[in-house]
Amino acid sequence: MRQAVLMAPGQIEFREVPAPSAENLAPHEVLLNIKRIGICGSEIHSYHGKHPSTIYPVVQGHEYSAIVTAVGSAVTVCRPGDAVTARPQLVCGSCNPCKRGQYNVCENLRVQAFHADGAARDFFVVDDDRVVKLPDGMSLDFGAMVEPSAVGAHSTKRAGDLKGKNVVVSGAGTIGNLVAQFALYRGAAKVLITDISDQRLDIARKCGIEHTLNVLQTPLEEGVKDVFGEEGFQVGFEVAGVESSIRSLMQTIEKGSTIVVIAVFEKDPALSMYYLGEHELTLVGTLMYRHEDYQEAINAISSGKINLNPLITNRFPFEQFDDAYNFIDANRMSSLKVIIDLTE
């Protein structure tokens, strides 16, 4: 079978390796035939050697959809022929976070495509407790986007009850777009999404996010007044991953409010402890998702409440993995979700 290995930053090696055997599956293992892979922003950091925890060499691919080829003797969540996706988290199950159900922050967490090999291959074996079946009729493209959608589902819960609150999402890439959509899904009164790319903001509007702001043209403080008036905003989501973005959120958000940090920062930002302390802000971290977030994401997508169509901007065959990264580099302001299609 084919396999794409990120040997070092900027260096992908294609290999032909033996395919896993259905006869050798453990009772709770599932053999997947990978069909689609979404390229994630964090993997772009890995490709450029700027992700703080990537271990090289590594097989990338953690946003994916697949068809079940075979199942172990104890598997009940799926059967051969089913379309599925699966969480990429490998957890210990015995640390304190795992014991209290927060396995997404397992003390010994390993994430496939970063700390362990991922799904950039034709066949892939996963444990059944991480598998989620896709509804009949859901496209394999959408199946590969359940993972980033689950990030939106989980991170918006980290902010508490959003009903009736005004929200600013800084960064209109794929994750920022999905965070904004899930904020609306959870009952936010108004959501303003910001970016420096008019193309990304146009895609946000196509996804149903009415209020957009290009912060290169209009300062955040001014844009907030235009959209929210005297109401201001009570929740901010930092998805841009740049210092100026989180500092602007801290300066403009209503006192006593909450900011959720989602982005991976290439360089740690210098934050204003004045705004954090004197404005009594709550700064919240969020990491990935849990199984229920995958299930909620699938339900929201299949019901039409989360719109993925405008987010898929480009697709490449498996043999052009390198070309996909180069395309993203050359089109950062206009491309969002790039899909690798293993069937082409």
C-alpha atoms as a PDB file:
ATOM      1  CA  MET A   1       0.000   0.000   0.000  1.00  0.00           C
ATOM      2  CA  ARG A   2       0.970   3.654  -0.381  1.00  0.00           C
ATOM      3  CA  GLN A   3       2.221   5.670   2.568  1.00  0.00           C
ATOM      4  CA  ALA A   4       3.336   9.318   2.846  1.00  0.00           C
ATOM      5  CA  VAL A   5       5.927  10.017   5.549  1.00  0.00           C
ATOM      6  CA  LEU A   6       6.990  13.478   6.701  1.00  0.00           C
ATOM      7  CA  MET A   7      10.682  12.696   7.179  1.00  0.00           C
ATOM      8  CA  ALA A   8      11.695  16.203   8.247  1.00  0.00           C
ATOM      9  CA  PRO A   9      10.319  19.711   7.747  1.00  0.00           C
ATOM     10  CA  GLY A  10       9.479  20.177   4.076  1.00  0.00           C
ATOM     11  CA  GLN A  11      10.399  16.610   3.153  1.00  0.00           C
ATOM     12  CA  ILE A  12       7.685  14.039   2.315  1.00  0.00           C
ATOM     13  CA  GLU A  13       8.756  10.551   1.282  1.00  0.00           C
ATOM     14  CA  PHE A  14       6.352   8.196  -0.502  1.00  0.00           C
ATOM     15  CA  ARG A  15       6.721   4.520   0.305  1.00  0.00           C
ATOM     16  CA  GLU A  16       5.229   1.206  -0.675  1.00  0.00           C
ATOM     17  CA  VAL A  17       4.721  -0.843   2.500  1.00  0.00           C
ATOM     18  CA  PRO A  18       2.795  -4.029   3.329  1.00  0.00           C
ATOM     19  CA  ALA A  19      -0.894  -3.519   4.035  1.00  0.00           C
ATOM     20  CA  PRO A  20      -2.197  -4.632   7.461  1.00  0.00           C
ATOM     21  CA  SER A  21      -3.942  -7.987   7.422  1.00  0.00           C
ATOM     22  CA  ALA A  22      -7.583  -8.462   8.425  1.00  0.00           C
ATOM     23  CA  GLU A  23      -6.641 -11.847   9.888  1.00  0.00           C
ATOM     24  CA  ASN A  24      -4.320 -10.194  12.409  1.00  0.00           C
ATOM     25  CA  LEU A  25      -6.831  -7.743  13.885  1.00  0.00           C
ATOM     26  CA  ALA A  26      -7.201  -7.760  17.665  1.00  0.00           C
ATOM     27  CA  PRO A  27     -10.775  -8.170  18.980  1.00  0.00           C
ATOM     28  CA  HIS A  28     -11.396  -4.400  19.232  1.00  0.00           C
ATOM     29  CA  GLU A  29      -9.509  -3.253  16.139  1.00  0.00           C
ATOM     30  CA  VAL A  30     -10.958  -1.933  12.882  1.00  0.00           C
ATOM     31  CA  LEU A  31      -9.236  -1.998   9.488  1.00  0.00           C
ATOM     32  CA  LEU A  32      -9.973   1.141   7.463  1.00  0.00           C
ATOM     33  CA  ASN A  33      -9.535   1.913   3.784  1.00  0.00           C
ATOM     34  CA  ILE A  34      -8.702   5.640   3.893  1.00  0.00           C
ATOM     35  CA  LYS A  35     -10.574   7.682   1.261  1.00  0.00           C
ATOM     36  CA  ARG A  36     -10.149  11.372   2.162  1.00  0.00           C
ATOM     37  CA  ILE A  37      -7.646  13.318   4.257  1.00  0.00           C
ATOM     38  CA  GLY A  38      -7.999  16.970   5.226  1.00  0.00           C
ATOM     39  CA  ILE A  39      -4.815  18.985   5.660  1.00  0.00           C
ATOM     40  CA  CYS A  40      -4.880  20.702   9.037  1.00  0.00           C
ATOM     41  CA  GLY A  41      -3.297  24.003   9.986  1.00  0.00           C
ATOM     42  CA  SER A  42      -1.337  22.237  12.715  1.00  0.00           C
ATOM     43  CA  GLU A  43       0.093  19.845  10.113  1.00  0.00           C
ATOM     44  CA  ILE A  44       1.188  22.859   8.072  1.00  0.00           C
ATOM     45  CA  HIS A  45       3.143  23.948  11.160  1.00  0.00           C
ATOM     46  CA  SER A  46       4.689  20.454  11.253  1.00  0.00           C
ATOM     47  CA  TYR A  47       5.550  20.650   7.558  1.00  0.00           C
ATOM     48  CA  HIS A  48       7.469  23.857   8.229  1.00  0.00           C
ATOM     49  CA  GLY A  49       9.102  22.597  11.426  1.00  0.00           C
ATOM     50  CA  LYS A  50       7.158  25.039  13.587  1.00  0.00           C
ATOM     51  CA  HIS A  51       4.890  22.690  15.541  1.00  0.00           C
ATOM     52  CA  PRO A  52       6.331  22.381  19.056  1.00  0.00           C
ATOM     53  CA  SER A  53       5.567  18.702  19.591  1.00  0.00           C
ATOM     54  CA  THR A  54       5.885  16.961  16.221  1.00  0.00           C
ATOM     55  CA  ILE A  55       8.200  13.942  16.230  1.00  0.00           C
ATOM     56  CA  TYR A  56       9.921  13.202  12.899  1.00  0.00           C
ATOM     57  CA  PRO A  57       9.645  11.035  10.884  1.00  0.00           C
ATOM     58  CA  VAL A  58       5.865  10.731  11.100  1.00  0.00           C
ATOM     59  CA  VAL A  59       2.975   9.718   8.854  1.00  0.00           C
ATOM     60  CA  GLN A  60       0.615  12.679   8.770  1.00  0.00           C
ATOM     61  CA  GLY A  61      -3.166  12.647   8.399  1.00  0.00           C
ATOM     62  CA  HIS A  62      -5.563  12.941  11.329  1.00  0.00           C
ATOM     63  CA  GLU A  63      -8.619  14.435   9.608  1.00  0.00           C
ATOM     64  CA  TYR A  64      -9.966  11.594   7.512  1.00  0.00           C
ATOM     65  CA  SER A  65     -12.863   9.492   6.339  1.00  0.00           C
ATOM     66  CA  ALA A  66     -12.708   5.839   5.424  1.00  0.00           C
ATOM     67  CA  ILE A  67     -14.627   2.715   4.530  1.00  0.00           C
ATOM     68  CA  VAL A  68     -14.442  -0.187   6.981  1.00  0.00           C
ATOM     69  CA  THR A  69     -12.671  -3.158   5.406  1.00  0.00           C
ATOM     70  CA  ALA A  70     -12.705  -5.604   8.332  1.00  0.00           C
ATOM     71  CA  VAL A  71     -13.418  -5.646  12.070  1.00  0.00           C
ATOM     72  CA  GLY A  72     -12.136  -7.608  15.051  1.00  0.00           C
ATOM     73  CA  SER A  73     -14.263 -10.238  16.736  1.00  0.00           C
ATOM     74  CA  ALA A  74     -15.545  -7.902  19.504  1.00  0.00           C
ATOM     75  CA  VAL A  75     -16.344  -4.819  17.388  1.00  0.00           C
ATOM     76  CA  THR A  76     -19.981  -3.671  17.442  1.00  0.00           C
ATOM     77  CA  VAL A  77     -19.783   0.045  16.506  1.00  0.00           C
ATOM     78  CA  CYS A  78     -19.342  -0.602  12.778  1.00  0.00           C
ATOM     79  CA  ARG A  79     -19.142  -3.326  10.188  1.00  0.00           C
ATOM     80  CA  PRO A  80     -17.437  -3.815   6.817  1.00  0.00           C
ATOM     81  CA  GLY A  81     -18.732  -1.379   4.223  1.00  0.00           C
ATOM     82  CA  ASP A  82     -19.601   1.384   6.706  1.00  0.00           C
ATOM     83  CA  ALA A  83     -18.307   4.910   6.149  1.00  0.00           C
ATOM     84  CA  VAL A  84     -16.557   6.148   9.294  1.00  0.00           C
ATOM     85  CA  THR A  85     -14.100   8.561  10.795  1.00  0.00           C
ATOM     86  CA  ALA A  86     -12.090   8.228  14.005  1.00  0.00           C
ATOM     87  CA  ARG A  87     -10.418  10.322  16.687  1.00  0.00           C
ATOM     88  CA  PRO A  88      -6.606  10.461  16.468  1.00  0.00           C
ATOM     89  CA  GLN A  89      -5.997  10.556  20.232  1.00  0.00           C
ATOM     90  CA  LEU A  90      -3.974   7.794  21.909  1.00  0.00           C
ATOM     91  CA  VAL A  91      -4.503   8.017  25.681  1.00  0.00           C
ATOM     92  CA  CYS A  92      -3.309   6.063  28.694  1.00  0.00           C
ATOM     93  CA  GLY A  93      -6.640   5.735  30.521  1.00  0.00           C
ATOM     94  CA  SER A  94      -4.919   5.677  33.914  1.00  0.00           C
ATOM     95  CA  CYS A  95      -3.800   9.267  34.649  1.00  0.00           C
ATOM     96  CA  ASN A  96      -5.982  11.622  36.677  1.00  0.00           C
ATOM     97  CA  PRO A  97      -7.393  13.551  33.674  1.00  0.00           C
ATOM     98  CA  CYS A  98      -8.312  10.244  32.005  1.00  0.00           C
ATOM     99  CA  LYS A  99      -9.948   8.961  35.174  1.00  0.00           C
ATOM    100  CA  ARG A 100     -12.181  12.035  35.387  1.00  0.00           C
ATOM    101  CA  GLY A 101     -13.117  11.780  31.712  1.00  0.00           C
ATOM    102  CA  GLN A 102     -10.800  14.489  30.359  1.00  0.00           C
ATOM    103  CA  TYR A 103      -8.802  12.093  28.218  1.00  0.00           C
ATOM    104  CA  ASN A 104      -8.306  14.836  25.616  1.00  0.00           C
ATOM    105  CA  VAL A 105      -5.732  16.266  28.052  1.00  0.00           C
ATOM    106  CA  CYS A 106      -4.292  12.876  29.042  1.00  0.00           C
ATOM    107  CA  GLU A 107      -0.960  13.270  30.832  1.00  0.00           C
ATOM    108  CA  ASN A 108       0.511  10.827  28.306  1.00  0.00           C
ATOM    109  CA  LEU A 109      -1.440  11.980  25.259  1.00  0.00           C
ATOM    110  CA  ARG A 110      -0.116  11.084  21.842  1.00  0.00           C
ATOM    111  CA  VAL A 111      -1.838  12.403  18.733  1.00  0.00           C
ATOM    112  CA  GLN A 112      -1.608  10.511  15.484  1.00  0.00           C
ATOM    113  CA  ALA A 113       0.119  12.580  12.775  1.00  0.00           C
ATOM    114  CA  PHE A 114       2.236  14.385  15.397  1.00  0.00           C
ATOM    115  CA  HIS A 115       3.481  11.991  18.087  1.00  0.00           C
ATOM    116  CA  ALA A 116       2.444   8.766  16.357  1.00  0.00           C
ATOM    117  CA  ASP A 117       1.824   7.746  12.767  1.00  0.00           C
ATOM    118  CA  GLY A 118      -1.403   8.946  11.160  1.00  0.00           C
ATOM    119  CA  ALA A 119      -3.665   7.989   8.285  1.00  0.00           C
ATOM    120  CA  ALA A 120      -1.761   9.151   5.182  1.00  0.00           C
ATOM    121  CA  ARG A 121      -1.861   5.649   3.725  1.00  0.00           C
ATOM    122  CA  ASP A 122      -4.302   3.357   1.970  1.00  0.00           C
ATOM    123  CA  PHE A 123      -5.100   1.149   4.981  1.00  0.00           C
ATOM    124  CA  PHE A 124      -5.060   2.041   8.655  1.00  0.00           C
ATOM    125  CA  VAL A 125      -5.892   0.122  11.849  1.00  0.00           C
ATOM    126  CA  VAL A 126      -7.656   1.904  14.736  1.00  0.00           C
ATOM    127  CA  ASP A 127      -9.279   0.852  18.003  1.00  0.00           C
ATOM    128  CA  ASP A 128     -13.059   0.708  17.927  1.00  0.00           C
ATOM    129  CA  ASP A 129     -13.524   3.098  20.875  1.00  0.00           C
ATOM    130  CA  ARG A 130     -12.287   5.935  18.638  1.00  0.00           C
ATOM    131  CA  VAL A 131     -14.445   5.098  15.610  1.00  0.00           C
ATOM    132  CA  VAL A 132     -17.580   7.091  14.757  1.00  0.00           C
ATOM    133  CA  LYS A 133     -19.925   5.899  12.026  1.00  0.00           C
ATOM    134  CA  LEU A 134     -21.006   8.485   9.453  1.00  0.00           C
ATOM    135  CA  PRO A 135     -24.715   8.836   8.666  1.00  0.00           C
ATOM    136  CA  ASP A 136     -26.016   7.388   5.435  1.00  0.00           C
ATOM    137  CA  GLY A 137     -25.617   9.945   2.678  1.00  0.00           C
ATOM    138  CA  MET A 138     -22.894  12.038   4.315  1.00  0.00           C
ATOM    139  CA  SER A 139     -20.131  12.683   1.798  1.00  0.00           C
ATOM    140  CA  LEU A 140     -16.641  11.363   2.434  1.00  0.00           C
ATOM    141  CA  ASP A 141     -15.399  14.966   2.107  1.00  0.00           C
ATOM    142  CA  PHE A 142     -17.629  15.982   5.009  1.00  0.00           C
ATOM    143  CA  GLY A 143     -16.534  12.886   6.919  1.00  0.00           C
ATOM    144  CA  ALA A 144     -12.953  14.109   6.727  1.00  0.00           C
ATOM    145  CA  MET A 145     -14.102  17.427   8.192  1.00  0.00           C
ATOM    146  CA  VAL A 146     -15.743  15.987  11.291  1.00  0.00           C
ATOM    147  CA  GLU A 147     -12.421  16.342  13.140  1.00  0.00           C
ATOM    148  CA  PRO A 148     -12.083  20.140  12.735  1.00  0.00           C
ATOM    149  CA  SER A 149     -15.825  20.486  13.316  1.00  0.00           C
ATOM    150  CA  ALA A 150     -15.380  18.672  16.637  1.00  0.00           C
ATOM    151  CA  VAL A 151     -12.766  21.284  17.574  1.00  0.00           C
ATOM    152  CA  GLY A 152     -15.461  23.901  17.038  1.00  0.00           C
ATOM    153  CA  ALA A 153     -17.946  21.898  19.086  1.00  0.00           C
ATOM    154  CA  HIS A 154     -15.574  21.395  22.016  1.00  0.00           C
ATOM    155  CA  SER A 155     -13.996  24.851  22.145  1.00  0.00           C
ATOM    156  CA  THR A 156     -17.334  26.655  22.141  1.00  0.00           C
ATOM    157  CA  LYS A 157     -18.416  24.582  25.155  1.00  0.00           C
ATOM    158  CA  ARG A 158     -15.280  25.715  26.978  1.00  0.00           C
ATOM    159  CA  ALA A 159     -16.689  29.248  27.014  1.00  0.00           C
ATOM    160  CA  GLY A 160     -19.746  28.250  29.030  1.00  0.00           C
ATOM    161  CA  ASP A 161     -23.291  29.163  28.048  1.00  0.00           C
ATOM    162  CA  LEU A 162     -23.228  31.304  24.909  1.00  0.00           C
ATOM    163  CA  LYS A 163     -26.962  31.929  24.713  1.00  0.00           C
ATOM    164  CA  GLY A 164     -27.690  35.612  24.241  1.00  0.00           C
ATOM    165  CA  LYS A 165     -24.019  36.638  24.366  1.00  0.00           C
ATOM    166  CA  ASN A 166     -22.066  38.570  21.777  1.00  0.00           C
ATOM    167  CA  VAL A 167     -18.985  36.813  20.449  1.00  0.00           C
ATOM    168  CA  VAL A 168     -15.834  37.776  18.538  1.00  0.00           C
ATOM    169  CA  VAL A 169     -13.853  35.111  16.711  1.00  0.00           C
ATOM    170  CA  SER A 170     -10.360  36.240  15.720  1.00  0.00           C
ATOM    171  CA  GLY A 171      -9.216  34.313  12.642  1.00  0.00           C
ATOM    172  CA  ALA A 172     -11.432  33.167   9.758  1.00  0.00           C
ATOM    173  CA  GLY A 173      -9.548  30.075   8.669  1.00  0.00           C
ATOM    174  CA  THR A 174     -11.243  26.682   8.771  1.00  0.00           C
ATOM    175  CA  ILE A 175     -11.221  26.378  12.570  1.00  0.00           C
ATOM    176  CA  GLY A 176     -12.230  29.989  13.164  1.00  0.00           C
ATOM    177  CA  ASN A 177     -15.082  29.626  10.688  1.00  0.00           C
ATOM    178  CA  LEU A 178     -16.315  26.473  12.418  1.00  0.00           C
ATOM    179  CA  VAL A 179     -15.976  28.062  15.862  1.00  0.00           C
ATOM    180  CA  ALA A 180     -18.112  30.979  14.678  1.00  0.00           C
ATOM    181  CA  GLN A 181     -20.699  28.606  13.217  1.00  0.00           C
ATOM    182  CA  PHE A 182     -20.856  26.607  16.450  1.00  0.00           C
ATOM    183  CA  ALA A 183     -21.187  29.808  18.499  1.00  0.00           C
ATOM    184  CA  LEU A 184     -24.290  30.637  16.466  1.00  0.00           C
ATOM    185  CA  TYR A 185     -25.429  27.016  16.784  1.00  0.00           C
ATOM    186  CA  ARG A 186     -25.184  27.390  20.579  1.00  0.00           C
ATOM    187  CA  GLY A 187     -27.381  30.477  20.628  1.00  0.00           C
ATOM    188  CA  ALA A 188     -24.984  33.417  20.576  1.00  0.00           C
ATOM    189  CA  ALA A 189     -26.804  36.688  19.920  1.00  0.00           C
ATOM    190  CA  LYS A 190     -24.299  38.079  17.416  1.00  0.00           C
ATOM    191  CA  VAL A 191     -20.993  36.700  16.163  1.00  0.00           C
ATOM    192  CA  LEU A 192     -18.312  38.878  14.579  1.00  0.00           C
ATOM    193  CA  ILE A 193     -15.475  37.053  12.805  1.00  0.00           C
ATOM    194  CA  THR A 194     -12.257  38.895  11.938  1.00  0.00           C
ATOM    195  CA  ASP A 195      -9.339  38.262   9.609  1.00  0.00           C
ATOM    196  CA  ILE A 196      -6.923  40.055   7.284  1.00  0.00           C
ATOM    197  CA  SER A 197      -8.187  38.200   4.205  1.00  0.00           C
ATOM    198  CA  ASP A 198     -11.280  39.395   2.359  1.00  0.00           C
ATOM    199  CA  GLN A 199     -11.526  35.985   0.660  1.00  0.00           C
ATOM    200  CA  ARG A 200     -11.765  34.165   3.992  1.00  0.00           C
ATOM    201  CA  LEU A 201     -14.318  36.650   5.246  1.00  0.00           C
ATOM    202  CA  ASP A 202     -16.353  36.173   2.077  1.00  0.00           C
ATOM    203  CA  ILE A 203     -16.365  32.408   2.705  1.00  0.00           C
ATOM    204  CA  ALA A 204     -17.494  33.087   6.279  1.00  0.00           C
ATOM    205  CA  ARG A 205     -20.493  35.022   4.975  1.00  0.00           C
ATOM    206  CA  LYS A 206     -21.292  32.166   2.587  1.00  0.00           C
ATOM    207  CA  CYS A 207     -21.356  29.888   5.631  1.00  0.00           C
ATOM    208  CA  GLY A 208     -23.965  32.082   7.310  1.00  0.00           C
ATOM    209  CA  ILE A 209     -21.711  34.245   9.492  1.00  0.00           C
ATOM    210  CA  GLU A 210     -23.249  37.648   8.892  1.00  0.00           C
ATOM    211  CA  HIS A 211     -20.806  39.972  10.651  1.00  0.00           C
ATOM    212  CA  THR A 212     -17.235  40.111   9.341  1.00  0.00           C
ATOM    213  CA  LEU A 213     -14.339  42.520   9.801  1.00  0.00           C
ATOM    214  CA  ASN A 214     -11.022  42.961   8.027  1.00  0.00           C
ATOM    215  CA  VAL A 215      -8.814  44.259  10.834  1.00  0.00           C
ATOM    216  CA  LEU A 216      -6.255  45.598   8.349  1.00  0.00           C
ATOM    217  CA  GLN A 217      -8.895  48.066   7.191  1.00  0.00           C
ATOM    218  CA  THR A 218     -10.814  48.748  10.413  1.00  0.00           C
ATOM    219  CA  PRO A 219      -9.462  48.418  13.981  1.00  0.00           C
ATOM    220  CA  LEU A 220     -11.186  45.797  16.130  1.00  0.00           C
ATOM    221  CA  GLU A 221     -12.404  48.381  18.635  1.00  0.00           C
ATOM    222  CA  GLU A 222     -14.190  50.305  15.889  1.00  0.00           C
ATOM    223  CA  GLY A 223     -15.627  47.161  14.308  1.00  0.00           C
ATOM    224  CA  VAL A 224     -16.944  45.978  17.677  1.00  0.00           C
ATOM    225  CA  LYS A 225     -18.789  49.269  18.188  1.00  0.00           C
ATOM    226  CA  ASP A 226     -20.282  49.082  14.693  1.00  0.00           C
ATOM    227  CA  VAL A 227     -21.636  45.550  15.210  1.00  0.00           C
ATOM    228  CA  PHE A 228     -22.495  45.412  18.913  1.00  0.00           C
ATOM    229  CA  GLY A 229     -22.996  49.071  19.825  1.00  0.00           C
ATOM    230  CA  GLU A 230     -23.139  49.683  23.573  1.00  0.00           C
ATOM    231  CA  GLU A 231     -23.685  45.967  24.237  1.00  0.00           C
ATOM    232  CA  GLY A 232     -20.049  45.094  23.561  1.00  0.00           C
ATOM    233  CA  PHE A 233     -19.020  41.438  23.510  1.00  0.00           C
ATOM    234  CA  GLN A 234     -18.668  38.915  26.319  1.00  0.00           C
ATOM    235  CA  VAL A 235     -16.797  36.000  24.723  1.00  0.00           C
ATOM    236  CA  GLY A 236     -13.742  35.969  22.486  1.00  0.00           C
ATOM    237  CA  PHE A 237     -12.143  33.072  20.633  1.00  0.00           C
ATOM    238  CA  GLU A 238      -8.499  33.446  19.616  1.00  0.00           C
ATOM    239  CA  VAL A 239      -7.908  31.360  16.478  1.00  0.00           C
ATOM    240  CA  ALA A 240      -5.415  33.522  14.585  1.00  0.00           C
ATOM    241  CA  GLY A 241      -2.338  32.519  16.562  1.00  0.00           C
ATOM    242  CA  VAL A 242      -0.675  35.944  16.528  1.00  0.00           C
ATOM    243  CA  GLU A 243       0.172  38.215  19.443  1.00  0.00           C
ATOM    244  CA  SER A 244      -1.631  41.279  18.144  1.00  0.00           C
ATOM    245  CA  SER A 245      -4.844  39.286  17.850  1.00  0.00           C
ATOM    246  CA  ILE A 246      -5.067  38.089  21.449  1.00  0.00           C
ATOM    247  CA  ARG A 247      -3.909  41.452  22.787  1.00  0.00           C
ATOM    248  CA  SER A 248      -6.685  43.186  20.822  1.00  0.00           C
ATOM    249  CA  LEU A 249      -9.276  40.777  22.212  1.00  0.00           C
ATOM    250  CA  MET A 250      -8.096  41.425  25.768  1.00  0.00           C
ATOM    251  CA  GLN A 251      -8.196  45.199  25.241  1.00  0.00           C
ATOM    252  CA  THR A 252     -11.665  45.364  23.703  1.00  0.00           C
ATOM    253  CA  ILE A 253     -13.702  42.634  25.422  1.00  0.00           C
ATOM    254  CA  GLU A 254     -16.145  43.588  28.166  1.00  0.00           C
ATOM    255  CA  LYS A 255     -14.678  43.433  31.681  1.00  0.00           C
ATOM    256  CA  GLY A 256     -15.306  40.176  33.523  1.00  0.00           C
ATOM    257  CA  SER A 257     -15.523  38.216  30.272  1.00  0.00           C
ATOM    258  CA  THR A 258     -13.964  35.072  28.825  1.00  0.00           C
ATOM    259  CA  ILE A 259     -11.421  34.473  26.061  1.00  0.00           C
ATOM    260  CA  VAL A 260     -10.824  30.950  24.775  1.00  0.00           C
ATOM    261  CA  VAL A 261      -7.435  30.327  23.161  1.00  0.00           C
ATOM    262  CA  ILE A 262      -7.614  27.739  20.379  1.00  0.00           C
ATOM    263  CA  ALA A 263      -4.719  28.619  18.064  1.00  0.00           C
ATOM    264  CA  VAL A 264      -1.278  27.018  18.099  1.00  0.00           C
ATOM    265  CA  PHE A 265       1.196  29.897  18.442  1.00  0.00           C
ATOM    266  CA  GLU A 266       4.523  29.545  16.657  1.00  0.00           C
ATOM    267  CA  LYS A 267       5.938  31.963  19.244  1.00  0.00           C
ATOM    268  CA  ASP A 268       4.554  32.561  22.727  1.00  0.00           C
ATOM    269  CA  PRO A 269       2.813  35.959  22.825  1.00  0.00           C
ATOM    270  CA  ALA A 270       3.534  38.687  25.361  1.00  0.00           C
ATOM    271  CA  LEU A 271       0.214  39.247  27.089  1.00  0.00           C
ATOM    272  CA  SER A 272      -0.955  42.244  29.085  1.00  0.00           C
ATOM    273  CA  MET A 273      -1.295  41.157  32.687  1.00  0.00           C
ATOM    274  CA  TYR A 274      -2.965  44.519  33.293  1.00  0.00           C
ATOM    275  CA  TYR A 275      -5.956  43.637  31.161  1.00  0.00           C
ATOM    276  CA  LEU A 276      -6.056  40.091  32.499  1.00  0.00           C
ATOM    277  CA  GLY A 277      -6.029  41.153  36.139  1.00  0.00           C
ATOM    278  CA  GLU A 278      -7.564  44.623  36.262  1.00  0.00           C
ATOM    279  CA  HIS A 279     -10.375  43.631  33.883  1.00  0.00           C
ATOM    280  CA  GLU A 280     -10.873  40.309  35.679  1.00  0.00           C
ATOM    281  CA  LEU A 281     -10.776  38.342  32.445  1.00  0.00           C
ATOM    282  CA  THR A 282     -10.920  34.583  32.264  1.00  0.00           C
ATOM    283  CA  LEU A 283      -8.383  33.132  29.853  1.00  0.00           C
ATOM    284  CA  VAL A 284      -9.309  29.553  28.927  1.00  0.00           C
ATOM    285  CA  GLY A 285      -7.349  26.899  27.101  1.00  0.00           C
ATOM    286  CA  THR A 286      -8.897  24.194  24.968  1.00  0.00           C
ATOM    287  CA  LEU A 287      -7.439  21.055  23.423  1.00  0.00           C
ATOM    288  CA  MET A 288      -8.992  19.008  20.676  1.00  0.00           C
ATOM    289  CA  TYR A 289     -12.256  17.249  21.644  1.00  0.00           C
ATOM    290  CA  ARG A 290     -13.842  14.180  23.180  1.00  0.00           C
ATOM    291  CA  HIS A 291     -15.999  11.478  21.632  1.00  0.00           C
ATOM    292  CA  GLU A 292     -19.243  13.309  22.333  1.00  0.00           C
ATOM    293  CA  ASP A 293     -17.892  16.300  20.400  1.00  0.00           C
ATOM    294  CA  TYR A 294     -17.402  14.088  17.340  1.00  0.00           C
ATOM    295  CA  GLN A 295     -20.962  12.854  17.665  1.00  0.00           C
ATOM    296  CA  GLU A 296     -22.340  16.373  18.119  1.00  0.00           C
ATOM    297  CA  ALA A 297     -20.353  17.590  15.110  1.00  0.00           C
ATOM    298  CA  ILE A 298     -21.763  14.811  12.929  1.00  0.00           C
ATOM    299  CA  ASN A 299     -25.306  15.608  14.063  1.00  0.00           C
ATOM    300  CA  ALA A 300     -24.858  19.332  13.403  1.00  0.00           C
ATOM    301  CA  ILE A 301     -23.368  18.713   9.956  1.00  0.00           C
ATOM    302  CA  SER A 302     -25.973  16.174   8.892  1.00  0.00           C
ATOM    303  CA  SER A 303     -28.798  18.451  10.070  1.00  0.00           C
ATOM    304  CA  GLY A 304     -27.470  21.295   7.920  1.00  0.00           C
ATOM    305  CA  LYS A 305     -26.817  23.582  10.885  1.00  0.00           C
ATOM    306  CA  ILE A 306     -23.068  23.587  10.168  1.00  0.00           C
ATOM    307  CA  ASN A 307     -22.288  24.486   6.549  1.00  0.00           C
ATOM    308  CA  LEU A 308     -19.105  22.852   5.227  1.00  0.00           C
ATOM    309  CA  ASN A 309     -19.546  23.283   1.478  1.00  0.00           C
ATOM    310  CA  PRO A 310     -17.883  26.718   1.129  1.00  0.00           C
ATOM    311  CA  LEU A 311     -14.909  25.610   3.240  1.00  0.00           C
ATOM    312  CA  ILE A 312     -13.591  23.016   0.772  1.00  0.00           C
ATOM    313  CA  THR A 313     -11.511  25.114  -1.584  1.00  0.00           C
ATOM    314  CA  ASN A 314      -9.137  22.647  -3.250  1.00  0.00           C
ATOM    315  CA  ARG A 315      -8.349  18.936  -3.626  1.00  0.00           C
ATOM    316  CA  PHE A 316      -5.277  16.969  -4.650  1.00  0.00           C
ATOM    317  CA  PRO A 317      -4.588  13.277  -5.337  1.00  0.00           C
ATOM    318  CA  PHE A 318      -2.468  11.344  -2.830  1.00  0.00           C
ATOM    319  CA  GLU A 319       0.662  11.494  -4.980  1.00  0.00           C
ATOM    320  CA  GLN A 320       0.544  15.293  -4.868  1.00  0.00           C
ATOM    321  CA  PHE A 321       0.788  15.714  -1.089  1.00  0.00           C
ATOM    322  CA  ASP A 322       3.803  17.998  -1.550  1.00  0.00           C
ATOM    323  CA  ASP A 323       1.940  20.034  -4.154  1.00  0.00           C
ATOM    324  CA  ALA A 324      -0.921  20.500  -1.701  1.00  0.00           C
ATOM    325  CA  TYR A 325       1.412  22.011   0.911  1.00  0.00           C
ATOM    326  CA  ASN A 326       3.052  24.236  -1.682  1.00  0.00           C
ATOM    327  CA  PHE A 327      -0.376  25.365  -2.873  1.00  0.00           C
ATOM    328  CA  ILE A 328      -1.394  26.255   0.667  1.00  0.00           C
ATOM    329  CA  ASP A 329       1.807  28.253   1.145  1.00  0.00           C
ATOM    330  CA  ALA A 330       1.199  30.175  -2.074  1.00  0.00           C
ATOM    331  CA  ASN A 331      -2.498  30.787  -1.374  1.00  0.00           C
ATOM    332  CA  ARG A 332      -2.729  31.298   2.374  1.00  0.00           C
ATOM    333  CA  MET A 333      -5.202  34.146   2.101  1.00  0.00           C
ATOM    334  CA  SER A 334      -7.646  32.356  -0.202  1.00  0.00           C
ATOM    335  CA  SER A 335      -7.483  28.620   0.533  1.00  0.00           C
ATOM    336  CA  LEU A 336      -9.220  27.003   3.474  1.00  0.00           C
ATOM    337  CA  LYS A 337      -9.734  23.247   3.594  1.00  0.00           C
ATOM    338  CA  VAL A 338      -7.568  21.309   1.164  1.00  0.00           C
ATOM    339  CA  ILE A 339      -8.607  17.687   0.718  1.00  0.00           C
ATOM    340  CA  ILE A 340      -6.343  14.788  -0.298  1.00  0.00           C
ATOM    341  CA  ASP A 341      -8.421  12.326  -2.312  1.00  0.00           C
ATOM    342  CA  LEU A 342      -6.954   8.816  -2.171  1.00  0.00           C
ATOM    343  CA  THR A 343      -9.388   7.558  -4.817  1.00  0.00           C
ATOM    344  CA  GLU A 344      -8.139   9.855  -7.592  1.00  0.00           C
END
